[in-house]
Protein backbone atom coordinates (compact mmCIF):
# COMPACT_ATOMS: atom_id res chain seq x y z
CA MET A 1 -20.57 -42.28 104.33
CA LYS A 2 -18.54 -45.29 103.38
CA LEU A 3 -14.88 -44.50 102.86
CA ASP A 4 -12.08 -46.04 100.95
CA ILE A 5 -8.52 -44.95 100.22
CA PRO A 6 -8.10 -43.59 96.68
CA ARG A 7 -5.02 -44.13 94.36
CA PHE A 8 -2.91 -41.43 95.78
CA ASP A 9 -0.09 -42.44 93.35
CA ALA A 10 -2.23 -41.34 90.50
CA THR A 11 -1.96 -37.62 91.36
CA ARG A 12 0.67 -34.90 91.66
CA ILE A 13 0.24 -31.81 93.86
CA LEU A 14 2.18 -28.51 93.72
CA VAL A 15 2.86 -26.85 97.10
CA VAL A 16 3.88 -23.21 97.31
CA GLY A 17 4.50 -21.43 100.43
CA ASP A 18 6.59 -20.72 103.64
CA VAL A 19 8.98 -23.57 104.01
CA MET A 20 10.86 -23.98 107.32
CA LEU A 21 12.94 -26.36 109.37
CA ASP A 22 11.56 -27.89 112.58
CA ARG A 23 14.57 -28.81 114.74
CA TYR A 24 14.15 -30.81 117.93
CA TRP A 25 16.63 -31.21 120.74
CA HIS A 26 15.74 -34.15 122.93
CA GLY A 27 17.21 -34.90 126.41
CA ASP A 28 16.79 -35.91 130.01
CA THR A 29 15.93 -33.47 132.70
CA SER A 30 16.95 -34.32 136.28
CA ARG A 31 17.85 -31.02 137.97
CA ILE A 32 17.24 -27.30 138.17
CA SER A 33 19.91 -24.90 137.11
CA PRO A 34 21.79 -23.16 139.90
CA GLU A 35 21.94 -20.01 137.68
CA ALA A 36 18.15 -19.61 137.31
CA PRO A 37 14.91 -21.42 138.18
CA VAL A 38 14.92 -23.43 134.89
CA PRO A 39 15.38 -27.18 134.12
CA VAL A 40 18.85 -28.35 132.87
CA VAL A 41 18.39 -30.51 129.75
CA LYS A 42 21.18 -32.91 128.78
CA ILE A 43 20.77 -33.06 124.98
CA GLU A 44 20.99 -36.63 123.78
CA ASN A 45 19.44 -36.46 120.32
CA ILE A 46 19.02 -33.83 117.65
CA GLU A 47 16.25 -34.28 115.03
CA ASP A 48 15.53 -32.14 111.95
CA SER A 49 12.12 -32.27 110.18
CA PRO A 50 10.58 -30.31 107.31
CA GLY A 51 8.02 -27.77 108.65
CA GLY A 52 5.43 -25.32 107.28
CA ALA A 53 4.81 -25.83 103.57
CA ALA A 54 7.62 -28.36 103.53
CA ASN A 55 5.61 -30.44 106.04
CA VAL A 56 2.58 -30.18 103.77
CA ALA A 57 4.67 -31.56 100.92
CA LEU A 58 6.18 -34.32 103.28
CA ASN A 59 2.54 -35.34 104.18
CA ILE A 60 1.59 -35.59 100.54
CA ALA A 61 4.58 -37.82 99.77
CA ALA A 62 3.87 -39.98 102.75
CA LEU A 63 0.44 -40.75 101.20
CA GLY A 64 2.18 -41.97 98.09
CA ALA A 65 1.28 -38.96 95.91
CA ALA A 66 3.83 -37.17 93.86
CA CYS A 67 4.66 -33.65 94.99
CA ASN A 68 6.50 -30.54 93.76
CA LEU A 69 7.49 -27.91 96.28
CA THR A 70 8.63 -24.29 95.77
CA GLY A 71 9.32 -21.50 98.30
CA VAL A 72 12.13 -19.40 99.65
CA ILE A 73 15.10 -20.67 101.82
CA GLY A 74 18.39 -19.18 102.87
CA GLY A 75 21.79 -20.28 101.54
CA ASP A 76 22.72 -21.85 104.86
CA ALA A 77 23.19 -25.21 106.57
CA ALA A 78 19.51 -25.26 107.67
CA GLY A 79 18.39 -24.93 104.03
CA GLN A 80 20.70 -27.74 103.01
CA SER A 81 19.32 -29.97 105.74
CA LEU A 82 15.81 -29.11 104.65
CA GLN A 83 16.57 -29.92 100.96
CA GLN A 84 18.24 -33.21 101.83
CA ALA A 85 15.28 -34.40 103.90
CA LEU A 86 12.77 -33.48 101.20
CA SER A 87 14.77 -35.13 98.45
CA ALA A 88 15.06 -38.24 100.51
CA ALA A 89 11.27 -38.37 100.70
CA GLY A 90 11.00 -38.05 96.95
CA ILE A 91 9.76 -34.53 96.85
CA GLU A 92 10.88 -32.42 93.78
CA CYS A 93 12.10 -29.08 95.14
CA ASP A 94 12.71 -25.84 93.23
CA PHE A 95 13.46 -23.30 95.80
CA HIS A 96 14.58 -19.68 95.50
CA ILE A 97 17.58 -19.06 97.63
CA SER A 98 17.60 -15.67 99.39
CA GLU A 99 20.94 -14.04 99.55
CA LYS A 100 20.03 -11.84 102.61
CA ARG A 101 17.76 -13.95 104.82
CA PRO A 102 18.23 -17.22 106.59
CA THR A 103 16.13 -20.39 106.30
CA ILE A 104 13.29 -20.07 108.73
CA THR A 105 14.11 -22.44 111.67
CA LYS A 106 12.06 -23.34 114.74
CA LEU A 107 14.04 -25.04 117.52
CA ARG A 108 12.13 -26.90 120.16
CA VAL A 109 13.73 -28.37 123.32
CA LEU A 110 11.90 -31.41 124.64
CA SER A 111 12.29 -33.69 127.66
CA HIS A 112 10.12 -36.69 128.58
CA HIS A 113 7.90 -35.97 125.58
CA GLN A 114 7.22 -32.39 126.97
CA GLN A 115 8.18 -29.27 125.03
CA LEU A 116 10.00 -26.96 127.37
CA ILE A 117 10.79 -24.04 125.12
CA ARG A 118 10.70 -22.97 121.36
CA LEU A 119 13.25 -20.63 119.80
CA ASP A 120 12.54 -19.11 116.44
CA PHE A 121 15.24 -18.08 113.90
CA GLU A 122 13.60 -16.08 111.19
CA GLU A 123 13.37 -12.96 109.18
CA ASN A 124 10.44 -12.43 106.83
CA PHE A 125 11.35 -12.75 103.16
CA SER A 126 11.07 -9.70 100.96
CA ILE A 127 8.54 -9.03 98.16
CA GLY A 128 11.35 -9.44 95.76
CA ASP A 129 11.93 -12.93 96.97
CA SER A 130 8.27 -13.70 96.57
CA GLU A 131 7.96 -12.30 93.01
CA LEU A 132 10.81 -14.64 91.81
CA LEU A 133 8.54 -17.52 92.50
CA ASN A 134 6.27 -16.75 89.64
CA ASN A 135 8.40 -18.19 87.02
CA LYS A 136 9.00 -21.30 89.09
CA ILE A 137 5.27 -21.81 89.58
CA SER A 138 4.59 -21.21 85.86
CA SER A 139 7.01 -23.87 84.86
CA LEU A 140 5.47 -26.46 87.19
CA LEU A 141 1.74 -26.06 86.50
CA LYS A 142 1.44 -28.24 83.46
CA ASP A 143 2.30 -31.44 85.40
CA VAL A 144 0.07 -31.07 88.45
CA ASP A 145 -3.53 -31.72 89.32
CA LEU A 146 -3.96 -29.18 92.12
CA VAL A 147 -2.11 -26.45 93.97
CA ILE A 148 -1.74 -25.82 97.66
CA LEU A 149 -0.81 -22.29 98.87
CA SER A 150 0.54 -22.83 102.46
CA ASP A 151 0.68 -19.35 104.11
CA TYR A 152 2.49 -18.91 107.48
CA LYS A 153 2.99 -15.09 106.99
CA LYS A 154 6.77 -15.40 106.49
CA GLY A 155 6.87 -13.51 103.22
CA SER A 156 6.98 -16.29 100.57
CA LEU A 157 3.36 -15.59 99.46
CA GLN A 158 3.48 -11.78 99.43
CA ASP A 159 2.82 -11.88 95.64
CA ILE A 160 -0.13 -14.27 96.16
CA LYS A 161 -2.55 -12.40 93.91
CA ASN A 162 -0.33 -12.97 90.97
CA PHE A 163 0.09 -16.53 91.99
CA VAL A 164 -3.68 -17.12 92.19
CA SER A 165 -4.10 -15.41 88.74
CA LEU A 166 -1.38 -17.65 87.17
CA ILE A 167 -2.78 -20.86 88.59
CA LYS A 168 -6.42 -20.01 87.74
CA SER A 169 -5.37 -19.35 84.14
CA ALA A 170 -4.14 -22.90 84.06
CA GLY A 171 -7.62 -24.16 85.27
CA LEU A 172 -6.33 -25.78 88.39
CA PRO A 173 -8.04 -25.93 91.80
CA ILE A 174 -6.31 -23.92 94.59
CA LEU A 175 -6.46 -24.83 98.28
CA VAL A 176 -5.27 -22.35 100.83
CA ASP A 177 -4.21 -22.70 104.43
CA PRO A 178 -4.71 -18.97 105.39
CA LYS A 179 -3.11 -16.78 108.02
CA GLY A 180 -3.69 -13.15 109.22
CA SER A 181 -6.70 -10.85 109.64
CA ASP A 182 -7.18 -10.13 105.84
CA PHE A 183 -8.49 -12.86 103.74
CA SER A 184 -9.25 -10.66 100.77
CA LYS A 185 -5.79 -11.59 99.29
CA TYR A 186 -7.20 -15.08 98.78
CA LYS A 187 -10.08 -13.93 96.55
CA GLY A 188 -10.90 -16.37 93.86
CA VAL A 189 -9.23 -19.49 95.23
CA THR A 190 -11.19 -22.73 95.49
CA LEU A 191 -11.21 -23.48 99.20
CA LEU A 192 -9.81 -22.11 102.45
CA THR A 193 -9.07 -24.20 105.49
CA PRO A 194 -8.91 -21.79 108.50
CA ASN A 195 -9.16 -22.94 111.98
CA LEU A 196 -11.87 -21.49 114.24
CA SER A 197 -9.70 -18.71 115.80
CA GLU A 198 -8.39 -17.67 112.42
CA PHE A 199 -11.89 -17.53 111.12
CA GLU A 200 -13.23 -15.48 114.01
CA ILE A 201 -10.39 -13.03 113.74
CA VAL A 202 -11.68 -12.20 110.21
CA VAL A 203 -15.48 -12.45 110.71
CA GLY A 204 -15.95 -11.81 114.54
CA LYS A 205 -17.06 -14.08 117.27
CA CYS A 206 -19.75 -16.63 116.44
CA ALA A 207 -22.13 -17.19 119.38
CA THR A 208 -24.18 -19.95 117.62
CA GLU A 209 -23.79 -22.57 114.95
CA GLU A 210 -26.19 -20.66 112.72
CA GLU A 211 -24.19 -17.44 113.06
CA LEU A 212 -20.98 -19.32 112.20
CA VAL A 213 -22.51 -20.77 109.04
CA SER A 214 -24.01 -17.45 107.98
CA LYS A 215 -20.67 -15.64 108.37
CA ALA A 216 -18.94 -18.42 106.40
CA GLN A 217 -21.45 -18.17 103.64
CA ARG A 218 -21.00 -14.38 103.45
CA LEU A 219 -17.22 -14.88 103.36
CA ILE A 220 -17.58 -17.39 100.49
CA LYS A 221 -19.61 -14.94 98.51
CA ASP A 222 -17.35 -11.94 99.15
CA LEU A 223 -14.20 -13.88 98.23
CA ASP A 224 -15.72 -15.92 95.31
CA LEU A 225 -14.81 -19.21 96.89
CA GLU A 226 -16.31 -22.70 96.32
CA ALA A 227 -16.07 -23.75 99.94
CA ILE A 228 -14.66 -23.18 103.40
CA LEU A 229 -13.42 -26.09 105.53
CA LEU A 230 -13.45 -24.87 109.13
CA THR A 231 -11.20 -26.90 111.58
CA ARG A 232 -12.48 -26.80 115.11
CA GLY A 233 -10.11 -28.79 117.21
CA GLU A 234 -11.90 -31.26 119.50
CA HIS A 235 -15.17 -30.30 117.86
CA GLY A 236 -14.06 -31.68 114.38
CA MET A 237 -14.54 -29.92 111.07
CA SER A 238 -17.30 -28.13 109.26
CA LEU A 239 -17.66 -27.92 105.50
CA ILE A 240 -19.65 -24.92 104.21
CA ARG A 241 -20.54 -24.51 100.63
CA PRO A 242 -22.86 -22.08 98.87
CA ASP A 243 -26.48 -23.31 98.41
CA GLU A 244 -25.80 -26.52 100.23
CA ALA A 245 -26.42 -27.70 103.90
CA GLU A 246 -23.27 -27.57 105.88
CA LEU A 247 -21.57 -30.90 106.74
CA HIS A 248 -20.02 -31.53 110.17
CA PHE A 249 -17.34 -34.13 110.72
CA PRO A 250 -16.87 -34.75 114.53
CA ALA A 251 -13.42 -35.46 115.92
CA ARG A 252 -13.13 -39.00 117.09
CA SER A 253 -12.17 -39.09 120.79
CA ARG A 254 -8.47 -39.78 121.32
CA GLU A 255 -5.63 -38.66 123.46
CA VAL A 256 -4.05 -35.41 122.05
CA PHE A 257 -0.28 -35.24 122.44
CA ASP A 258 0.74 -32.51 120.00
CA VAL A 259 -1.29 -30.29 117.53
CA THR A 260 1.85 -29.13 115.79
CA GLY A 261 1.38 -29.69 112.10
CA ALA A 262 -2.22 -30.91 112.27
CA GLY A 263 -3.39 -28.23 109.86
CA ASP A 264 -0.70 -29.26 107.34
CA THR A 265 -2.01 -32.83 107.56
CA VAL A 266 -5.59 -31.72 106.91
CA ILE A 267 -4.77 -29.76 103.77
CA SER A 268 -2.39 -32.44 102.43
CA VAL A 269 -4.90 -35.29 102.77
CA LEU A 270 -7.69 -33.12 101.40
CA ALA A 271 -5.61 -32.09 98.34
CA ALA A 272 -4.32 -35.57 97.59
CA SER A 273 -7.79 -37.03 97.91
CA LEU A 274 -9.20 -34.47 95.60
CA GLY A 275 -6.46 -34.91 93.18
CA ALA A 276 -7.11 -38.62 93.11
CA GLY A 277 -10.71 -38.03 92.17
CA LYS A 278 -12.55 -38.17 95.57
CA PRO A 279 -15.65 -35.87 95.97
CA LEU A 280 -15.13 -33.01 98.40
CA PRO A 281 -17.15 -34.56 101.37
CA GLU A 282 -15.28 -37.83 101.15
CA ALA A 283 -11.94 -35.96 100.89
CA VAL A 284 -12.92 -33.98 104.00
CA ALA A 285 -13.82 -37.13 105.95
CA LEU A 286 -10.41 -38.73 105.07
CA ALA A 287 -8.65 -35.45 106.17
CA ASN A 288 -10.63 -35.56 109.46
CA ILE A 289 -9.44 -39.08 110.22
CA ALA A 290 -5.84 -38.15 109.39
CA ALA A 291 -5.97 -35.14 111.69
CA GLY A 292 -6.99 -37.52 114.52
CA ILE A 293 -3.92 -39.58 113.85
CA ALA A 294 -1.64 -36.55 113.61
CA VAL A 295 -2.52 -35.10 117.04
CA SER A 296 -1.98 -38.44 118.74
CA LYS A 297 1.83 -38.16 117.92
CA VAL A 298 4.50 -35.87 119.26
CA GLY A 299 6.06 -33.31 117.00
CA THR A 300 5.58 -32.56 113.26
CA VAL A 301 4.98 -35.99 111.90
CA ALA A 302 3.50 -36.96 108.52
CA VAL A 303 0.62 -39.40 108.32
CA SER A 304 1.44 -42.25 105.89
CA GLY A 305 -0.89 -44.01 103.50
CA PRO A 306 -0.95 -47.26 105.48
CA GLU A 307 -1.69 -45.31 108.67
CA LEU A 308 -4.60 -43.59 107.00
CA ARG A 309 -5.93 -46.87 105.66
CA ARG A 310 -5.82 -48.31 109.20
CA GLY A 311 -7.54 -45.18 110.51
CA VAL A 312 -10.37 -45.61 107.99
CA GLN A 313 -10.68 -49.36 108.95
CA ASP A 314 -10.80 -48.30 112.73
CA ASP A 315 -13.22 -45.54 112.02
CA SER A 316 -15.37 -47.27 109.43
CA GLU A 317 -18.15 -44.78 109.81
CA SER A 318 -17.22 -41.17 109.90
CA GLY A 319 -19.39 -38.51 111.58
CA ARG A 320 -19.26 -40.04 115.06
CA GLY A 321 -18.31 -38.66 118.48
CA VAL A 322 -18.99 -35.80 120.86
CA MET A 323 -21.24 -33.06 119.44
CA SER A 324 -22.83 -29.78 120.33
CA ARG A 325 -26.67 -29.69 120.27
CA GLU A 326 -26.59 -27.67 117.05
CA GLN A 327 -24.25 -30.09 115.33
CA LEU A 328 -26.32 -33.07 116.49
CA ALA A 329 -29.44 -31.52 115.04
CA LEU A 330 -27.81 -31.38 111.61
CA VAL A 331 -26.64 -34.98 111.55
CA VAL A 332 -29.91 -36.27 112.83
CA ALA A 333 -31.68 -34.38 110.12
CA ASP A 334 -29.22 -35.88 107.54
CA ALA A 335 -29.87 -39.42 108.83
CA LYS A 336 -33.68 -39.03 108.68
CA ALA A 337 -33.29 -37.62 105.10
CA ASN A 338 -31.69 -41.00 104.28
CA SER A 339 -34.49 -43.02 106.03
CA GLU A 340 -32.07 -44.04 108.79
CA LYS A 341 -33.55 -44.93 112.17
CA VAL A 342 -32.27 -42.80 115.09
CA VAL A 343 -32.24 -44.20 118.53
CA PHE A 344 -32.02 -42.04 121.71
CA THR A 345 -31.10 -42.83 125.30
CA ASN A 346 -29.86 -40.74 128.17
CA GLY A 347 -28.44 -40.92 131.61
CA CYS A 348 -25.57 -39.88 133.90
CA PHE A 349 -23.09 -42.68 132.84
CA ASP A 350 -20.89 -41.67 135.69
CA ILE A 351 -18.86 -44.92 135.93
CA ILE A 352 -19.12 -47.09 132.87
CA HIS A 353 -19.75 -50.80 133.89
CA ALA A 354 -20.64 -53.99 132.07
CA GLY A 355 -24.27 -53.21 132.43
CA HIS A 356 -23.83 -49.98 130.49
CA VAL A 357 -21.91 -51.62 127.72
CA GLY A 358 -24.47 -54.42 127.13
CA TYR A 359 -27.35 -51.99 127.48
CA LEU A 360 -25.94 -49.59 124.93
CA GLN A 361 -25.23 -52.38 122.46
CA ASP A 362 -28.82 -53.51 122.80
CA ALA A 363 -30.00 -49.96 122.30
CA LYS A 364 -27.91 -49.64 119.12
CA ASN A 365 -29.43 -52.80 117.69
CA GLN A 366 -32.81 -51.02 117.70
CA GLY A 367 -31.90 -48.79 114.83
CA ASP A 368 -29.10 -47.32 112.63
CA HIS A 369 -27.70 -44.56 114.88
CA LEU A 370 -27.46 -44.27 118.60
CA ILE A 371 -27.54 -40.98 120.46
CA VAL A 372 -26.42 -40.96 124.12
CA ALA A 373 -27.29 -37.79 125.95
CA LEU A 374 -25.54 -37.19 129.26
CA ASN A 375 -26.71 -35.03 132.13
CA ASP A 376 -24.02 -32.29 132.84
CA ASP A 377 -22.39 -32.07 136.22
CA ALA A 378 -24.79 -29.74 137.86
CA SER A 379 -27.72 -31.76 136.68
CA VAL A 380 -26.12 -35.04 138.00
CA THR A 381 -25.59 -33.28 141.44
CA ARG A 382 -29.27 -32.30 141.54
CA LEU A 383 -30.33 -35.79 140.72
CA LYS A 384 -27.75 -37.82 142.68
CA GLY A 385 -26.67 -35.56 145.42
CA GLU A 386 -23.42 -34.03 146.61
CA GLY A 387 -20.36 -36.06 145.65
CA ARG A 388 -21.71 -36.86 142.29
CA PRO A 389 -20.70 -36.98 139.53
CA ILE A 390 -17.41 -38.90 140.22
CA ASN A 391 -16.23 -37.92 136.78
CA PRO A 392 -16.80 -34.52 134.98
CA VAL A 393 -18.96 -34.45 131.95
CA GLU A 394 -16.06 -34.02 129.49
CA ARG A 395 -14.56 -37.31 130.70
CA ARG A 396 -17.86 -39.12 130.83
CA MET A 397 -18.64 -38.12 127.20
CA ALA A 398 -15.22 -39.16 126.03
CA VAL A 399 -15.56 -42.62 127.56
CA VAL A 400 -19.02 -43.15 126.15
CA ALA A 401 -17.96 -41.87 122.68
CA GLY A 402 -15.27 -44.50 122.65
CA LEU A 403 -17.81 -47.38 122.88
CA GLU A 404 -18.34 -49.14 119.59
CA ALA A 405 -22.20 -49.11 119.84
CA VAL A 406 -22.32 -45.27 120.29
CA ASP A 407 -22.57 -42.98 117.34
CA TRP A 408 -23.30 -39.47 118.84
CA VAL A 409 -22.84 -38.08 122.34
CA VAL A 410 -24.29 -34.81 123.56
CA SER A 411 -24.69 -33.23 127.08
CA PHE A 412 -27.80 -31.37 128.42
CA ASP A 413 -28.08 -29.08 131.44
CA GLU A 414 -31.79 -29.61 132.14
CA ASP A 415 -33.04 -32.16 134.67
CA THR A 416 -34.73 -34.24 131.94
CA PRO A 417 -33.87 -34.72 128.21
CA ILE A 418 -37.42 -33.51 127.17
CA PRO A 419 -36.04 -30.40 125.32
CA LEU A 420 -33.73 -32.54 123.34
CA LEU A 421 -36.47 -34.99 122.45
CA GLU A 422 -38.61 -32.12 121.23
CA GLU A 423 -35.76 -30.78 119.07
CA LEU A 424 -34.38 -33.99 117.74
CA LYS A 425 -37.54 -36.29 117.51
CA PRO A 426 -35.69 -39.53 117.59
CA ASP A 427 -37.39 -42.61 116.09
CA VAL A 428 -36.93 -44.76 119.12
CA LEU A 429 -36.50 -43.67 122.84
CA ILE A 430 -34.73 -46.24 124.96
CA LYS A 431 -34.84 -46.49 128.75
CA GLY A 432 -32.92 -48.98 130.92
CA GLY A 433 -34.50 -50.63 134.08
CA ASP A 434 -37.72 -51.68 135.41
CA TYR A 435 -40.10 -49.06 134.04
CA GLY A 436 -43.47 -49.19 132.45
CA ILE A 437 -43.55 -47.37 129.08
CA SER A 438 -45.83 -44.61 130.61
CA GLU A 439 -43.18 -44.01 133.25
CA VAL A 440 -40.34 -43.21 130.76
CA VAL A 441 -39.69 -39.50 130.78
CA GLY A 442 -40.59 -38.03 127.44
CA ALA A 443 -42.62 -41.03 126.33
CA ASP A 444 -45.62 -38.97 125.63
CA ILE A 445 -43.69 -36.54 123.47
CA VAL A 446 -42.10 -39.35 121.40
CA GLN A 447 -45.43 -41.21 121.01
CA ALA A 448 -47.17 -38.02 119.90
CA TYR A 449 -45.12 -37.83 116.76
CA GLY A 450 -45.27 -41.58 116.03
CA GLY A 451 -41.95 -42.63 117.64
CA GLU A 452 -41.39 -45.86 119.61
CA ILE A 453 -40.67 -46.44 123.32
CA LYS A 454 -38.59 -49.45 124.44
CA VAL A 455 -37.48 -50.46 127.95
CA LEU A 456 -34.38 -52.57 128.14
CA ALA A 457 -32.83 -54.37 131.13
CA PHE A 458 -29.33 -53.58 132.30
CA LEU A 459 -27.07 -56.64 132.14
CA ASP A 460 -25.55 -58.23 135.33
CA ASN A 461 -27.81 -56.15 137.54
CA CYS A 462 -25.09 -53.53 137.77
CA SER A 463 -25.56 -49.85 138.92
CA THR A 464 -23.16 -46.94 139.41
CA THR A 465 -24.72 -46.08 142.66
CA GLY A 466 -24.20 -49.61 143.88
CA ILE A 467 -20.53 -49.52 142.78
CA VAL A 468 -19.98 -46.21 144.51
CA GLU A 469 -21.59 -47.44 147.77
CA LYS A 470 -19.49 -50.64 147.68
CA ILE A 471 -16.29 -48.57 147.35
CA GLN A 472 -17.37 -46.32 150.25
CA LYS A 473 -18.23 -49.32 152.39
CA ASP A 474 -14.93 -51.03 151.66
CA LYS A 475 -12.82 -47.99 152.61
């Protein structure tokens, strides 16, 4: 899927939901308190940032799209700080100000980029506060392309059924970031974006990919939805739609610093992309890239249009990275349906060296997509002996996935990749080293269905075993 950035400045999004203030106290920690076994933080900087639905609006504005925001705040200093920050970002706010309850505020104390504690100042807003948003929503619908309902279970969306009816009567799509164990209140919206734990609270645990998709399809039917976008952390996202094959978008491997606000980033980019005319799969692919950028930052931080553009350039082909076997089977089937050649190789890849890099690039040159299957830790130990692997399989997969030549990475617990070959049926099986084709494990299976076998030489005559033996010898 080739991606490009749409004209975000050509769309306007309405965000309705639980707005809050994220407050950060930053300082140095150098001693433990004599009063209790807790660190003493010398506060050096205080930072206020829009959170919740306000962070969704901030993300939309950062992309360059226009945004209206409505919700409930208190008549207090926190509410004033929130409004000032949003106005400065160009967001048009029309809040209902509660006379009895404060602006929801979450205070985080951080030192050396680590969060030490979070303190919440909040009281859920009343149904009366929520009902008063109907008139505000009604007055804003004529100027927008799409509506986001951002639910944090703080009370602003208690009248959500009336909100949905009002928005649908205007013929506008509705995206919802849901919360809680009852999704029936979202019946009739266009799309839900639950994370995996939120989804399983509603439908029950999913033991397999097939069960997950089946339960999502049932939920789509029961709630009269058009789609569910399931966010799955390090396993990326899955888009499920009725009467269509599910689409999986693997997360690109990158260091995760903070997942705060990542869900806000996903629904913001998704909505702005749809509002700007992108088809749903392309909008999800853009949201997936933006989520990877968001979690690489500390705190609730919006992803800007230029950042997303660079992310698309860096990740010119979405749908790459570490996958489960079930997810891999789906993307391989999709590649074959598009007449794309799938190349497969396998190994331990315990310590990546120059030989591996050159070998994998040569392997990628044999087709359109390269799968690298890694022996899991127990399998490596059986093959190589005690003391191996040096690196656990999660780290080995992350390193391999970061190589430019590699598209998809999967692990297997068997001693050979034969079960994977039987399931995936790659077009080309690659082996590195001095082997005859008949000596390559799985060659007979691949040849039986018409696939190719190729043996490639490792560059520089490198080997992980040789590197390990040299390190041990030099100790």
